Amino acid sequence: MPLLDDLVNNYSNKILVKIFTQVGIEIAKITDINRQILKEVTLAQWLLESARGKSDLAVNTNNFAGLKWQIPDMKGFAA
């Protein structure tokens, strides 16, 4: 599934230090090894939540993580 492949490739290449800094997480508390584990666990959870990219939520809304919040709080992030 190209969309799922793109998601995995995009996320696995992200620099989590930058993302953590943007959301206010102290990066000194998270080692490089833990960052890599976090990426792997997150991707595994997305695969599980989205039935490997085949769930209705993943297919219809590109929501692989199963996030379900109401507008306007999560507009653009969750279904």
Protein backbone atom coordinates (compact mmCIF):
# COMPACT_ATOMS: atom_id res chain seq x y z
CA MET A 1 0.00 0.00 0.00
CA PRO A 2 1.77 3.15 -1.21
CA LEU A 3 0.20 5.47 1.37
CA LEU A 4 1.29 3.28 4.27
CA ASP A 5 4.76 2.91 2.76
CA ASP A 6 5.02 6.70 2.46
CA LEU A 7 3.93 7.11 6.07
CA VAL A 8 6.50 4.61 7.33
CA ASN A 9 9.31 6.09 5.25
CA ASN A 10 8.43 9.65 6.22
CA TYR A 11 8.14 8.92 9.94
CA SER A 12 11.22 6.71 10.15
CA ASN A 13 13.30 9.54 8.66
CA LYS A 14 12.00 12.21 11.05
CA ILE A 15 14.36 13.74 13.54
CA LEU A 16 12.52 13.24 16.81
CA VAL A 17 14.69 15.76 18.67
CA LYS A 18 13.13 18.55 16.61
CA ILE A 19 9.61 17.24 17.16
CA PHE A 20 10.17 16.79 20.92
CA THR A 21 11.53 20.33 21.19
CA GLN A 22 8.48 21.72 19.38
CA VAL A 23 6.09 20.06 21.84
CA GLY A 24 8.13 20.92 24.94
CA ILE A 25 9.72 17.55 25.81
CA GLU A 26 13.19 17.79 27.34
CA ILE A 27 15.38 15.99 24.83
CA ALA A 28 18.18 15.45 27.33
CA LYS A 29 15.97 12.89 29.08
CA ILE A 30 15.64 10.70 25.97
CA THR A 31 18.67 8.81 24.66
CA ASP A 32 19.34 8.07 21.00
CA ILE A 33 18.54 4.41 21.61
CA ASN A 34 15.22 5.30 23.23
CA ARG A 35 14.36 7.57 20.30
CA GLN A 36 14.92 4.70 17.88
CA ILE A 37 12.83 2.36 20.03
CA LEU A 38 10.08 4.99 20.16
CA LYS A 39 10.02 5.17 16.36
CA GLU A 40 9.81 1.39 16.04
CA VAL A 41 7.10 1.02 18.67
CA THR A 42 5.07 3.88 17.19
CA LEU A 43 5.21 2.39 13.70
CA ALA A 44 4.27 -1.03 15.08
CA GLN A 45 1.30 0.51 16.91
CA TRP A 46 0.17 2.30 13.73
CA LEU A 47 0.32 -0.98 11.81
CA LEU A 48 -1.72 -2.67 14.53
CA GLU A 49 -4.27 0.15 14.86
CA SER A 50 -4.80 0.44 11.11
CA ALA A 51 -4.90 -3.30 10.31
CA ARG A 52 -1.74 -2.75 8.27
CA GLY A 53 -3.25 0.27 6.55
CA LYS A 54 -6.49 -1.47 5.58
CA SER A 55 -8.91 -0.19 8.24
CA ASP A 56 -11.72 2.18 7.23
CA LEU A 57 -10.15 4.92 9.32
CA ALA A 58 -6.79 4.51 7.59
CA VAL A 59 -8.20 4.23 4.08
CA ASN A 60 -10.87 6.93 4.29
CA THR A 61 -9.11 9.54 6.43
CA ASN A 62 -5.40 8.61 6.29
CA ASN A 63 -5.60 8.08 10.06
CA PHE A 64 -3.29 5.17 10.81
CA ALA A 65 -3.04 5.75 14.56
CA GLY A 66 -6.74 5.46 15.32
CA LEU A 67 -6.92 8.95 16.81
CA LYS A 68 -10.47 10.15 17.36
CA TRP A 69 -10.84 13.69 18.67
CA GLN A 70 -13.44 16.29 17.91
CA ILE A 71 -13.06 19.37 15.74
CA PRO A 72 -11.56 21.94 16.28
CA ASP A 73 -9.10 20.44 18.79
CA MET A 74 -7.51 17.92 16.43
CA LYS A 75 -8.56 19.22 13.02
CA GLY A 76 -6.07 17.89 10.50
CA PHE A 77 -4.67 15.31 12.91
CA ALA A 78 -7.50 12.89 13.60
CA ALA A 79 -10.84 11.76 12.29
